[in-house]
Amino acid sequence: MTSHKTAQTMKPATAAKKLGVYLEATPAEFQEGVVSRTELNALQADPPEWLQELRRNGPHPRPVVAAKLGVSISGLARGGVTEALTTEQIEELKKESPDWLQKERATQAEVRKETVRIKEKNAARAAAPDTPRS
């Protein structure tokens, strides 16, 4: 009895997320099919023109927008950004630098600092020799 390996496939939404692109902006054949792990790897290794264009100009999904603006996804929502944005729209937001964006960037910077502090504290604790407890 031999077992046949079936190709691992994923929904287009999952593949778009892994590729960092907005699903609704992808070609219809991508949205309507399934993507195998091999196809995903090929798209990542040698992206076709449509994928390069989406990555370059968008529209970008919210996680990418948040990263480009230096804020969290929740920060985007608090700022009223709920839709995918193009690179041009993101650059415009950066230029305008509205109050909400400045506040969210400051919040994100504090979160990063706290994360580093906790990591360092845990590393120091792990490196310290066990001390006897009384």
C-alpha atoms as a PDB file:
ATOM      1  CA  MET A   1       0.000   0.000   0.000  1.00  0.00           C
ATOM      2  CA  THR A   2       1.514   3.324  -1.017  1.00  0.00           C
ATOM      3  CA  SER A   3       0.455   6.699   0.151  1.00  0.00           C
ATOM      4  CA  HIS A   4       0.267   9.532  -2.326  1.00  0.00           C
ATOM      5  CA  LYS A   5       1.182  12.970  -1.131  1.00  0.00           C
ATOM      6  CA  THR A   6      -1.357  15.568  -2.095  1.00  0.00           C
ATOM      7  CA  ALA A   7      -0.235  19.081  -2.745  1.00  0.00           C
ATOM      8  CA  GLN A   8      -0.900  21.397   0.167  1.00  0.00           C
ATOM      9  CA  THR A   9      -3.223  24.151  -1.008  1.00  0.00           C
ATOM     10  CA  MET A  10      -4.596  27.322   0.515  1.00  0.00           C
ATOM     11  CA  LYS A  11      -7.380  29.755  -0.125  1.00  0.00           C
ATOM     12  CA  PRO A  12      -6.528  32.873  -2.122  1.00  0.00           C
ATOM     13  CA  ALA A  13      -7.048  35.028   1.003  1.00  0.00           C
ATOM     14  CA  THR A  14      -4.385  33.058   2.870  1.00  0.00           C
ATOM     15  CA  ALA A  15      -1.977  33.247  -0.051  1.00  0.00           C
ATOM     16  CA  ALA A  16      -2.553  37.014  -0.409  1.00  0.00           C
ATOM     17  CA  LYS A  17      -1.861  37.466   3.287  1.00  0.00           C
ATOM     18  CA  LYS A  18       1.381  35.488   3.009  1.00  0.00           C
ATOM     19  CA  LEU A  19       2.377  37.564  -0.025  1.00  0.00           C
ATOM     20  CA  GLY A  20       1.501  40.811   1.784  1.00  0.00           C
ATOM     21  CA  VAL A  21      -0.979  42.018  -0.820  1.00  0.00           C
ATOM     22  CA  TYR A  22      -4.607  43.135  -0.795  1.00  0.00           C
ATOM     23  CA  LEU A  23      -6.699  40.230  -2.133  1.00  0.00           C
ATOM     24  CA  GLU A  24      -9.287  42.417  -3.903  1.00  0.00           C
ATOM     25  CA  ALA A  25      -6.503  44.006  -5.983  1.00  0.00           C
ATOM     26  CA  THR A  26      -5.140  40.692  -7.265  1.00  0.00           C
ATOM     27  CA  PRO A  27      -6.072  39.293 -10.695  1.00  0.00           C
ATOM     28  CA  ALA A  28      -9.380  37.417 -10.930  1.00  0.00           C
ATOM     29  CA  GLU A  29      -7.675  34.078 -11.671  1.00  0.00           C
ATOM     30  CA  PHE A  30      -5.731  34.406  -8.401  1.00  0.00           C
ATOM     31  CA  GLN A  31      -8.878  35.280  -6.417  1.00  0.00           C
ATOM     32  CA  GLU A  32     -10.960  32.453  -7.878  1.00  0.00           C
ATOM     33  CA  GLY A  33      -8.507  29.568  -7.629  1.00  0.00           C
ATOM     34  CA  VAL A  34      -6.573  27.789  -4.945  1.00  0.00           C
ATOM     35  CA  VAL A  35      -2.850  28.249  -4.460  1.00  0.00           C
ATOM     36  CA  SER A  36      -0.523  25.347  -3.800  1.00  0.00           C
ATOM     37  CA  ARG A  37       2.515  25.668  -1.565  1.00  0.00           C
ATOM     38  CA  THR A  38       4.682  25.211  -4.686  1.00  0.00           C
ATOM     39  CA  GLU A  39       2.864  28.038  -6.495  1.00  0.00           C
ATOM     40  CA  LEU A  40       3.200  30.302  -3.460  1.00  0.00           C
ATOM     41  CA  ASN A  41       6.930  29.604  -3.265  1.00  0.00           C
ATOM     42  CA  ALA A  42       7.258  30.367  -6.982  1.00  0.00           C
ATOM     43  CA  LEU A  43       5.356  33.659  -6.563  1.00  0.00           C
ATOM     44  CA  GLN A  44       7.656  34.625  -3.695  1.00  0.00           C
ATOM     45  CA  ALA A  45      10.852  33.617  -5.480  1.00  0.00           C
ATOM     46  CA  ASP A  46      10.029  35.173  -8.851  1.00  0.00           C
ATOM     47  CA  PRO A  47       7.068  37.556  -8.478  1.00  0.00           C
ATOM     48  CA  PRO A  48       5.133  38.287 -11.679  1.00  0.00           C
ATOM     49  CA  GLU A  49       4.631  41.905 -12.758  1.00  0.00           C
ATOM     50  CA  TRP A  50       1.176  42.206 -11.136  1.00  0.00           C
ATOM     51  CA  LEU A  51       2.596  41.143  -7.768  1.00  0.00           C
ATOM     52  CA  GLN A  52       5.560  43.506  -8.034  1.00  0.00           C
ATOM     53  CA  GLU A  53       3.191  46.345  -8.937  1.00  0.00           C
ATOM     54  CA  LEU A  54       0.886  45.619  -5.985  1.00  0.00           C
ATOM     55  CA  ARG A  55       3.802  45.494  -3.578  1.00  0.00           C
ATOM     56  CA  ARG A  56       5.207  48.723  -4.978  1.00  0.00           C
ATOM     57  CA  ASN A  57       2.062  50.854  -5.353  1.00  0.00           C
ATOM     58  CA  GLY A  58      -0.749  49.050  -3.549  1.00  0.00           C
ATOM     59  CA  PRO A  59      -3.456  49.136  -2.574  1.00  0.00           C
ATOM     60  CA  HIS A  60      -1.883  47.622   0.541  1.00  0.00           C
ATOM     61  CA  PRO A  61      -3.671  45.568   3.219  1.00  0.00           C
ATOM     62  CA  ARG A  62      -3.973  47.108   6.676  1.00  0.00           C
ATOM     63  CA  PRO A  63      -0.994  45.269   8.229  1.00  0.00           C
ATOM     64  CA  VAL A  64       1.257  46.676   5.487  1.00  0.00           C
ATOM     65  CA  VAL A  65      -0.277  50.160   5.822  1.00  0.00           C
ATOM     66  CA  ALA A  66       0.271  50.045   9.588  1.00  0.00           C
ATOM     67  CA  ALA A  67       3.902  48.977   9.157  1.00  0.00           C
ATOM     68  CA  LYS A  68       4.593  51.686   6.579  1.00  0.00           C
ATOM     69  CA  LEU A  69       3.104  54.322   8.886  1.00  0.00           C
ATOM     70  CA  GLY A  70       4.847  52.950  11.985  1.00  0.00           C
ATOM     71  CA  VAL A  71       1.645  52.303  13.919  1.00  0.00           C
ATOM     72  CA  SER A  72      -0.412  49.310  15.025  1.00  0.00           C
ATOM     73  CA  ILE A  73      -3.454  48.020  13.155  1.00  0.00           C
ATOM     74  CA  SER A  74      -5.555  49.180  16.127  1.00  0.00           C
ATOM     75  CA  GLY A  75      -3.954  52.597  15.776  1.00  0.00           C
ATOM     76  CA  LEU A  76      -5.087  52.722  12.168  1.00  0.00           C
ATOM     77  CA  ALA A  77      -8.646  51.981  13.247  1.00  0.00           C
ATOM     78  CA  ARG A  78      -8.510  54.649  15.965  1.00  0.00           C
ATOM     79  CA  GLY A  79      -7.309  57.060  13.272  1.00  0.00           C
ATOM     80  CA  GLY A  80     -10.271  56.172  11.070  1.00  0.00           C
ATOM     81  CA  VAL A  81      -8.276  54.242   8.449  1.00  0.00           C
ATOM     82  CA  THR A  82     -10.282  51.127   7.683  1.00  0.00           C
ATOM     83  CA  GLU A  83      -9.634  50.657   3.962  1.00  0.00           C
ATOM     84  CA  ALA A  84      -6.615  49.558   1.986  1.00  0.00           C
ATOM     85  CA  LEU A  85      -4.382  52.468   0.960  1.00  0.00           C
ATOM     86  CA  THR A  86      -2.058  53.001  -1.971  1.00  0.00           C
ATOM     87  CA  THR A  87       1.590  53.928  -1.508  1.00  0.00           C
ATOM     88  CA  GLU A  88       0.713  57.449  -2.678  1.00  0.00           C
ATOM     89  CA  GLN A  89      -2.019  57.781  -0.033  1.00  0.00           C
ATOM     90  CA  ILE A  90       0.359  56.503   2.653  1.00  0.00           C
ATOM     91  CA  GLU A  91       3.016  59.037   1.638  1.00  0.00           C
ATOM     92  CA  GLU A  92       0.391  61.796   1.700  1.00  0.00           C
ATOM     93  CA  LEU A  93      -0.638  60.801   5.226  1.00  0.00           C
ATOM     94  CA  LYS A  94       3.011  60.885   6.304  1.00  0.00           C
ATOM     95  CA  LYS A  95       3.394  64.405   4.847  1.00  0.00           C
ATOM     96  CA  GLU A  96       0.199  65.673   6.477  1.00  0.00           C
ATOM     97  CA  SER A  97       1.169  63.996   9.770  1.00  0.00           C
ATOM     98  CA  PRO A  98      -2.257  64.371  11.407  1.00  0.00           C
ATOM     99  CA  ASP A  99      -2.479  64.441  15.206  1.00  0.00           C
ATOM    100  CA  TRP A 100      -3.770  60.881  15.417  1.00  0.00           C
ATOM    101  CA  LEU A 101      -0.767  59.611  13.425  1.00  0.00           C
ATOM    102  CA  GLN A 102       1.728  61.432  15.649  1.00  0.00           C
ATOM    103  CA  LYS A 103       0.006  60.074  18.762  1.00  0.00           C
ATOM    104  CA  GLU A 104      -0.124  56.501  17.431  1.00  0.00           C
ATOM    105  CA  ARG A 105       3.546  56.606  16.387  1.00  0.00           C
ATOM    106  CA  ALA A 106       4.495  57.775  19.883  1.00  0.00           C
ATOM    107  CA  THR A 107       2.397  54.984  21.401  1.00  0.00           C
ATOM    108  CA  GLN A 108       4.037  52.419  19.123  1.00  0.00           C
ATOM    109  CA  ALA A 109       7.513  53.712  20.060  1.00  0.00           C
ATOM    110  CA  GLU A 110       6.656  53.275  23.755  1.00  0.00           C
ATOM    111  CA  VAL A 111       5.420  49.741  23.117  1.00  0.00           C
ATOM    112  CA  ARG A 112       8.687  48.883  21.326  1.00  0.00           C
ATOM    113  CA  LYS A 113      10.776  50.349  24.176  1.00  0.00           C
ATOM    114  CA  GLU A 114       8.819  48.363  26.749  1.00  0.00           C
ATOM    115  CA  THR A 115       9.215  45.176  24.707  1.00  0.00           C
ATOM    116  CA  VAL A 116      12.997  45.684  24.586  1.00  0.00           C
ATOM    117  CA  ARG A 117      13.107  46.406  28.338  1.00  0.00           C
ATOM    118  CA  ILE A 118      11.213  43.205  29.139  1.00  0.00           C
ATOM    119  CA  LYS A 119      13.404  41.159  26.782  1.00  0.00           C
ATOM    120  CA  GLU A 120      16.561  42.508  28.422  1.00  0.00           C
ATOM    121  CA  LYS A 121      15.166  41.875  31.909  1.00  0.00           C
ATOM    122  CA  ASN A 122      14.290  38.277  30.990  1.00  0.00           C
ATOM    123  CA  ALA A 123      17.704  37.732  29.379  1.00  0.00           C
ATOM    124  CA  ALA A 124      19.461  39.049  32.493  1.00  0.00           C
ATOM    125  CA  ARG A 125      17.325  36.830  34.699  1.00  0.00           C
ATOM    126  CA  ALA A 126      18.088  33.788  32.527  1.00  0.00           C
ATOM    127  CA  ALA A 127      21.838  34.550  32.549  1.00  0.00           C
ATOM    128  CA  ALA A 128      22.024  35.055  36.326  1.00  0.00           C
ATOM    129  CA  PRO A 129      23.074  32.002  38.328  1.00  0.00           C
ATOM    130  CA  ASP A 130      20.389  30.492  40.491  1.00  0.00           C
ATOM    131  CA  THR A 131      20.479  32.087  43.882  1.00  0.00           C
ATOM    132  CA  PRO A 132      19.492  30.046  46.897  1.00  0.00           C
ATOM    133  CA  ARG A 133      16.216  31.089  48.436  1.00  0.00           C
ATOM    134  CA  SER A 134      15.863  31.315  52.174  1.00  0.00           C
END
